[in-house]
Amino acid sequence: MILFSAFIIGAYLLGSISSAVLICKLAGLGDPRAQGSGNPGTTNVLRIGGKKLAIFTLLGDLLKGFLPVYCAHFTPLSATALSCIGLAAFIGHLFPVFFGFKGGKGVATALGVLLALAWPVGCAALLTWLLVAALFRYSSLAALMTAALLPLYVSLWSNPAYLMAVLIISLLLIVKHRDNIFRLWSGKESKIKL
């Protein structure tokens, strides 16, 4: 129980570190929450800082989801505990204690969690996002389609003990993209510009 609690707290705190905010400030761009879409995530950093900073943001957000779950694999913790640790890192990104509980939408962090929990599910999620983004040029639509399919991917290629946590991640991803859903519906969503 102590080990599980330590991993949960550590995962949440690691998830609470905003890669976008730190990278933009180090690059002299200020706070990404006050620029572009206002979201501290990879797509907004791409808009305001370019590809290189966006890649660093993506890797930072992905690693903070991946590392706690990956490390927990080397402990006696159960599959359900591993999924809860991943969920804690994801929630840390969405509601970071270090940044006034105002975080990003969690796509990259969720991907990191999935890659550590079950790499086939993580790869399927990544391929889904890339395919939808390439076809339609909307990052938000790619995230929404991927989120909707995650429970199916877990059911097909993973431990059933992961399903509840992944369902929660999927629902939170969709909720965090609610403004994007309205913009997509009204034709006002911004497309990915590379």
C-alpha atoms as a PDB file:
ATOM      1  CA  MET A   1       0.000   0.000   0.000  1.00  0.00           C
ATOM      2  CA  ILE A   2       2.869   2.384   0.790  1.00  0.00           C
ATOM      3  CA  LEU A   3       4.537   1.558  -2.532  1.00  0.00           C
ATOM      4  CA  PHE A   4       1.300   2.089  -4.449  1.00  0.00           C
ATOM      5  CA  SER A   5       0.645   5.416  -2.684  1.00  0.00           C
ATOM      6  CA  ALA A   6       4.190   6.589  -3.400  1.00  0.00           C
ATOM      7  CA  PHE A   7       3.793   5.777  -7.090  1.00  0.00           C
ATOM      8  CA  ILE A   8       0.394   7.500  -7.281  1.00  0.00           C
ATOM      9  CA  ILE A   9       1.709  10.682  -5.659  1.00  0.00           C
ATOM     10  CA  GLY A  10       4.909  10.601  -7.714  1.00  0.00           C
ATOM     11  CA  ALA A  11       3.008  10.034 -10.961  1.00  0.00           C
ATOM     12  CA  TYR A  12       0.619  12.890 -10.228  1.00  0.00           C
ATOM     13  CA  LEU A  13       3.472  15.272  -9.356  1.00  0.00           C
ATOM     14  CA  LEU A  14       5.434  14.286 -12.461  1.00  0.00           C
ATOM     15  CA  GLY A  15       2.308  14.742 -14.553  1.00  0.00           C
ATOM     16  CA  SER A  16       1.881  18.196 -13.013  1.00  0.00           C
ATOM     17  CA  ILE A  17       5.113  19.443 -14.598  1.00  0.00           C
ATOM     18  CA  SER A  18       4.034  21.409 -17.682  1.00  0.00           C
ATOM     19  CA  SER A  19       6.473  20.738 -20.508  1.00  0.00           C
ATOM     20  CA  ALA A  20       4.883  23.452 -22.648  1.00  0.00           C
ATOM     21  CA  VAL A  21       5.158  26.162 -20.008  1.00  0.00           C
ATOM     22  CA  LEU A  22       8.744  25.283 -19.076  1.00  0.00           C
ATOM     23  CA  ILE A  23       9.973  24.945 -22.670  1.00  0.00           C
ATOM     24  CA  CYS A  24       8.297  28.157 -23.842  1.00  0.00           C
ATOM     25  CA  LYS A  25       9.679  30.113 -20.891  1.00  0.00           C
ATOM     26  CA  LEU A  26      13.195  28.712 -21.468  1.00  0.00           C
ATOM     27  CA  ALA A  27      12.896  29.738 -25.129  1.00  0.00           C
ATOM     28  CA  GLY A  28      11.846  33.254 -24.124  1.00  0.00           C
ATOM     29  CA  LEU A  29       8.310  32.903 -25.474  1.00  0.00           C
ATOM     30  CA  GLY A  30       6.478  33.425 -22.196  1.00  0.00           C
ATOM     31  CA  ASP A  31       3.523  31.392 -20.994  1.00  0.00           C
ATOM     32  CA  PRO A  32       1.728  29.423 -23.759  1.00  0.00           C
ATOM     33  CA  ARG A  33      -1.475  29.627 -21.707  1.00  0.00           C
ATOM     34  CA  ALA A  34      -1.590  33.330 -22.587  1.00  0.00           C
ATOM     35  CA  GLN A  35      -0.929  32.843 -26.316  1.00  0.00           C
ATOM     36  CA  GLY A  36      -2.435  31.071 -29.308  1.00  0.00           C
ATOM     37  CA  SER A  37      -5.201  28.716 -28.210  1.00  0.00           C
ATOM     38  CA  GLY A  38      -4.174  29.137 -24.568  1.00  0.00           C
ATOM     39  CA  ASN A  39      -3.615  25.394 -24.206  1.00  0.00           C
ATOM     40  CA  PRO A  40      -0.274  24.280 -22.735  1.00  0.00           C
ATOM     41  CA  GLY A  41       0.221  21.477 -25.218  1.00  0.00           C
ATOM     42  CA  THR A  42       2.159  20.427 -28.297  1.00  0.00           C
ATOM     43  CA  THR A  43      -0.195  21.870 -30.923  1.00  0.00           C
ATOM     44  CA  ASN A  44      -0.215  25.313 -29.344  1.00  0.00           C
ATOM     45  CA  VAL A  45       3.574  25.280 -28.910  1.00  0.00           C
ATOM     46  CA  LEU A  46       3.819  24.378 -32.612  1.00  0.00           C
ATOM     47  CA  ARG A  47       1.755  27.476 -33.427  1.00  0.00           C
ATOM     48  CA  ILE A  48       3.679  29.891 -31.244  1.00  0.00           C
ATOM     49  CA  GLY A  49       7.186  28.399 -31.158  1.00  0.00           C
ATOM     50  CA  GLY A  50       7.671  26.148 -34.180  1.00  0.00           C
ATOM     51  CA  LYS A  51       8.440  22.489 -34.796  1.00  0.00           C
ATOM     52  CA  LYS A  52      11.538  22.111 -32.630  1.00  0.00           C
ATOM     53  CA  LEU A  53       9.877  23.381 -29.446  1.00  0.00           C
ATOM     54  CA  ALA A  54       6.738  21.382 -30.265  1.00  0.00           C
ATOM     55  CA  ILE A  55       8.809  18.175 -30.497  1.00  0.00           C
ATOM     56  CA  PHE A  56      10.430  18.879 -27.110  1.00  0.00           C
ATOM     57  CA  THR A  57       6.978  19.529 -25.620  1.00  0.00           C
ATOM     58  CA  LEU A  58       5.607  16.324 -27.110  1.00  0.00           C
ATOM     59  CA  LEU A  59       8.495  14.268 -25.742  1.00  0.00           C
ATOM     60  CA  GLY A  60       8.253  15.866 -22.298  1.00  0.00           C
ATOM     61  CA  ASP A  61       4.518  15.230 -22.043  1.00  0.00           C
ATOM     62  CA  LEU A  62       4.868  11.696 -23.382  1.00  0.00           C
ATOM     63  CA  LEU A  63       7.660  10.806 -20.954  1.00  0.00           C
ATOM     64  CA  LYS A  64       5.788  11.994 -17.882  1.00  0.00           C
ATOM     65  CA  GLY A  65       3.015   9.524 -18.728  1.00  0.00           C
ATOM     66  CA  PHE A  66       5.410   6.746 -19.709  1.00  0.00           C
ATOM     67  CA  LEU A  67       8.026   6.804 -16.933  1.00  0.00           C
ATOM     68  CA  PRO A  68       5.945   6.183 -13.795  1.00  0.00           C
ATOM     69  CA  VAL A  69       4.042   3.294 -15.394  1.00  0.00           C
ATOM     70  CA  TYR A  70       7.187   1.800 -16.909  1.00  0.00           C
ATOM     71  CA  CYS A  71       9.005   1.947 -13.557  1.00  0.00           C
ATOM     72  CA  ALA A  72       6.012   0.408 -11.766  1.00  0.00           C
ATOM     73  CA  HIS A  73       6.280  -2.645 -14.045  1.00  0.00           C
ATOM     74  CA  PHE A  74       9.402  -3.615 -12.079  1.00  0.00           C
ATOM     75  CA  THR A  75       7.490  -3.803  -8.780  1.00  0.00           C
ATOM     76  CA  PRO A  76       5.005  -6.379  -7.435  1.00  0.00           C
ATOM     77  CA  LEU A  77       2.106  -3.977  -8.107  1.00  0.00           C
ATOM     78  CA  SER A  78      -0.926  -5.392  -9.916  1.00  0.00           C
ATOM     79  CA  ALA A  79      -2.134  -4.514 -13.413  1.00  0.00           C
ATOM     80  CA  THR A  80      -4.963  -2.486 -11.884  1.00  0.00           C
ATOM     81  CA  ALA A  81      -2.425  -0.555  -9.794  1.00  0.00           C
ATOM     82  CA  LEU A  82      -0.355   0.143 -12.923  1.00  0.00           C
ATOM     83  CA  SER A  83      -3.393   1.560 -14.697  1.00  0.00           C
ATOM     84  CA  CYS A  84      -4.181   3.762 -11.676  1.00  0.00           C
ATOM     85  CA  ILE A  85      -0.607   5.081 -11.704  1.00  0.00           C
ATOM     86  CA  GLY A  86      -1.007   5.970 -15.378  1.00  0.00           C
ATOM     87  CA  LEU A  87      -4.291   7.673 -14.625  1.00  0.00           C
ATOM     88  CA  ALA A  88      -2.631   9.693 -11.857  1.00  0.00           C
ATOM     89  CA  ALA A  89       0.049  10.976 -14.272  1.00  0.00           C
ATOM     90  CA  PHE A  90      -2.644  11.856 -16.817  1.00  0.00           C
ATOM     91  CA  ILE A  91      -4.732  13.720 -14.218  1.00  0.00           C
ATOM     92  CA  GLY A  92      -1.586  15.551 -13.115  1.00  0.00           C
ATOM     93  CA  HIS A  93      -1.232  16.890 -16.652  1.00  0.00           C
ATOM     94  CA  LEU A  94      -4.876  17.964 -16.816  1.00  0.00           C
ATOM     95  CA  PHE A  95      -4.952  19.478 -13.317  1.00  0.00           C
ATOM     96  CA  PRO A  96      -1.342  20.327 -12.374  1.00  0.00           C
ATOM     97  CA  VAL A  97      -0.737  21.336  -8.771  1.00  0.00           C
ATOM     98  CA  PHE A  98       2.230  23.485  -9.848  1.00  0.00           C
ATOM     99  CA  PHE A  99       0.224  25.558 -12.337  1.00  0.00           C
ATOM    100  CA  GLY A 100      -3.015  26.385 -10.553  1.00  0.00           C
ATOM    101  CA  PHE A 101      -4.695  23.150 -11.679  1.00  0.00           C
ATOM    102  CA  LYS A 102      -4.945  24.555 -15.231  1.00  0.00           C
ATOM    103  CA  GLY A 103      -3.292  22.057 -17.528  1.00  0.00           C
ATOM    104  CA  GLY A 104      -3.387  20.743 -21.044  1.00  0.00           C
ATOM    105  CA  LYS A 105      -5.694  18.330 -22.786  1.00  0.00           C
ATOM    106  CA  GLY A 106      -3.549  15.288 -22.135  1.00  0.00           C
ATOM    107  CA  VAL A 107      -3.142  13.661 -25.543  1.00  0.00           C
ATOM    108  CA  ALA A 108       0.635  13.131 -25.419  1.00  0.00           C
ATOM    109  CA  THR A 109       0.611  12.162 -21.737  1.00  0.00           C
ATOM    110  CA  ALA A 110      -2.159   9.630 -22.406  1.00  0.00           C
ATOM    111  CA  LEU A 111      -0.069   8.200 -25.242  1.00  0.00           C
ATOM    112  CA  GLY A 112       2.897   7.805 -22.893  1.00  0.00           C
ATOM    113  CA  VAL A 113       0.710   5.995 -20.366  1.00  0.00           C
ATOM    114  CA  LEU A 114      -0.647   3.664 -23.051  1.00  0.00           C
ATOM    115  CA  LEU A 115       2.781   2.861 -24.469  1.00  0.00           C
ATOM    116  CA  ALA A 116       3.962   1.867 -20.987  1.00  0.00           C
ATOM    117  CA  LEU A 117       0.823  -0.110 -20.111  1.00  0.00           C
ATOM    118  CA  ALA A 118       0.518  -2.022 -23.383  1.00  0.00           C
ATOM    119  CA  TRP A 119       2.635  -1.009 -26.360  1.00  0.00           C
ATOM    120  CA  PRO A 120       0.220  -2.467 -28.980  1.00  0.00           C
ATOM    121  CA  VAL A 121      -2.531  -0.183 -27.650  1.00  0.00           C
ATOM    122  CA  GLY A 122      -0.155   2.785 -27.600  1.00  0.00           C
ATOM    123  CA  CYS A 123       0.956   2.090 -31.167  1.00  0.00           C
ATOM    124  CA  ALA A 124      -2.650   1.710 -32.344  1.00  0.00           C
ATOM    125  CA  ALA A 125      -3.511   5.029 -30.663  1.00  0.00           C
ATOM    126  CA  LEU A 126      -0.540   6.773 -32.295  1.00  0.00           C
ATOM    127  CA  LEU A 127      -1.374   5.362 -35.736  1.00  0.00           C
ATOM    128  CA  THR A 128      -5.014   6.407 -35.362  1.00  0.00           C
ATOM    129  CA  TRP A 129      -4.005   9.958 -34.434  1.00  0.00           C
ATOM    130  CA  LEU A 130      -1.517  10.191 -37.324  1.00  0.00           C
ATOM    131  CA  LEU A 131      -3.995   8.814 -39.870  1.00  0.00           C
ATOM    132  CA  VAL A 132      -6.861  11.124 -38.874  1.00  0.00           C
ATOM    133  CA  ALA A 133      -4.529  14.130 -38.628  1.00  0.00           C
ATOM    134  CA  ALA A 134      -3.048  13.390 -42.068  1.00  0.00           C
ATOM    135  CA  LEU A 135      -6.473  12.966 -43.665  1.00  0.00           C
ATOM    136  CA  PHE A 136      -8.315  15.888 -42.088  1.00  0.00           C
ATOM    137  CA  ARG A 137      -5.538  18.200 -40.747  1.00  0.00           C
ATOM    138  CA  TYR A 138      -7.285  18.721 -37.405  1.00  0.00           C
ATOM    139  CA  SER A 139      -5.311  17.818 -34.273  1.00  0.00           C
ATOM    140  CA  SER A 140      -8.467  17.930 -32.161  1.00  0.00           C
ATOM    141  CA  LEU A 141     -10.403  15.583 -34.446  1.00  0.00           C
ATOM    142  CA  ALA A 142      -7.473  13.150 -34.400  1.00  0.00           C
ATOM    143  CA  ALA A 143      -7.445  13.272 -30.589  1.00  0.00           C
ATOM    144  CA  LEU A 144     -11.213  12.758 -30.355  1.00  0.00           C
ATOM    145  CA  MET A 145     -11.243   9.807 -32.751  1.00  0.00           C
ATOM    146  CA  THR A 146      -8.321   8.226 -30.922  1.00  0.00           C
ATOM    147  CA  ALA A 147      -9.990   8.738 -27.527  1.00  0.00           C
ATOM    148  CA  ALA A 148     -13.202   7.134 -28.791  1.00  0.00           C
ATOM    149  CA  LEU A 149     -11.324   4.047 -30.006  1.00  0.00           C
ATOM    150  CA  LEU A 150      -9.059   3.514 -26.969  1.00  0.00           C
ATOM    151  CA  PRO A 151     -11.472   1.252 -25.035  1.00  0.00           C
ATOM    152  CA  LEU A 152     -11.823  -0.962 -28.118  1.00  0.00           C
ATOM    153  CA  TYR A 153      -8.042  -1.186 -28.522  1.00  0.00           C
ATOM    154  CA  VAL A 154      -7.627  -2.136 -24.862  1.00  0.00           C
ATOM    155  CA  SER A 155     -10.344  -4.785 -25.185  1.00  0.00           C
ATOM    156  CA  LEU A 156      -8.610  -6.288 -28.220  1.00  0.00           C
ATOM    157  CA  TRP A 157      -4.924  -6.093 -27.313  1.00  0.00           C
ATOM    158  CA  SER A 158      -4.445  -5.586 -23.612  1.00  0.00           C
ATOM    159  CA  ASN A 159      -5.085  -6.680 -20.052  1.00  0.00           C
ATOM    160  CA  PRO A 160      -8.784  -6.190 -19.135  1.00  0.00           C
ATOM    161  CA  ALA A 161      -7.615  -4.721 -15.816  1.00  0.00           C
ATOM    162  CA  TYR A 162      -6.568  -1.598 -17.737  1.00  0.00           C
ATOM    163  CA  LEU A 163     -10.014  -0.954 -19.200  1.00  0.00           C
ATOM    164  CA  MET A 164     -11.558   1.144 -16.406  1.00  0.00           C
ATOM    165  CA  ALA A 165      -8.630   3.572 -16.223  1.00  0.00           C
ATOM    166  CA  VAL A 166      -8.539   3.838 -20.024  1.00  0.00           C
ATOM    167  CA  LEU A 167     -12.281   4.542 -20.129  1.00  0.00           C
ATOM    168  CA  ILE A 168     -11.731   7.410 -17.674  1.00  0.00           C
ATOM    169  CA  ILE A 169      -8.807   8.710 -19.758  1.00  0.00           C
ATOM    170  CA  SER A 170     -10.958   8.542 -22.911  1.00  0.00           C
ATOM    171  CA  LEU A 171     -13.845  10.415 -21.310  1.00  0.00           C
ATOM    172  CA  LEU A 172     -11.551  13.105 -19.889  1.00  0.00           C
ATOM    173  CA  LEU A 173      -9.864  13.551 -23.273  1.00  0.00           C
ATOM    174  CA  ILE A 174     -13.258  14.105 -24.885  1.00  0.00           C
ATOM    175  CA  VAL A 175     -14.404  16.497 -22.136  1.00  0.00           C
ATOM    176  CA  LYS A 176     -11.166  18.512 -22.396  1.00  0.00           C
ATOM    177  CA  HIS A 177     -11.817  18.866 -26.151  1.00  0.00           C
ATOM    178  CA  ARG A 178     -15.404  20.100 -25.758  1.00  0.00           C
ATOM    179  CA  ASP A 179     -14.590  23.587 -27.102  1.00  0.00           C
ATOM    180  CA  ASN A 180     -12.861  21.977 -30.082  1.00  0.00           C
ATOM    181  CA  ILE A 181     -15.978  19.894 -30.741  1.00  0.00           C
ATOM    182  CA  PHE A 182     -18.077  23.071 -31.020  1.00  0.00           C
ATOM    183  CA  ARG A 183     -15.490  24.703 -33.290  1.00  0.00           C
ATOM    184  CA  LEU A 184     -15.305  21.609 -35.490  1.00  0.00           C
ATOM    185  CA  TRP A 185     -19.082  21.556 -35.735  1.00  0.00           C
ATOM    186  CA  SER A 186     -19.233  25.239 -36.690  1.00  0.00           C
ATOM    187  CA  GLY A 187     -16.283  25.025 -39.113  1.00  0.00           C
ATOM    188  CA  LYS A 188     -14.114  27.360 -37.044  1.00  0.00           C
ATOM    189  CA  GLU A 189     -11.451  24.917 -35.834  1.00  0.00           C
ATOM    190  CA  SER A 190      -7.864  25.699 -36.858  1.00  0.00           C
ATOM    191  CA  LYS A 191      -6.086  23.160 -39.037  1.00  0.00           C
ATOM    192  CA  ILE A 192      -2.582  21.826 -38.445  1.00  0.00           C
ATOM    193  CA  LYS A 193       0.003  23.906 -40.294  1.00  0.00           C
ATOM    194  CA  LEU A 194       3.352  22.224 -40.901  1.00  0.00           C
END
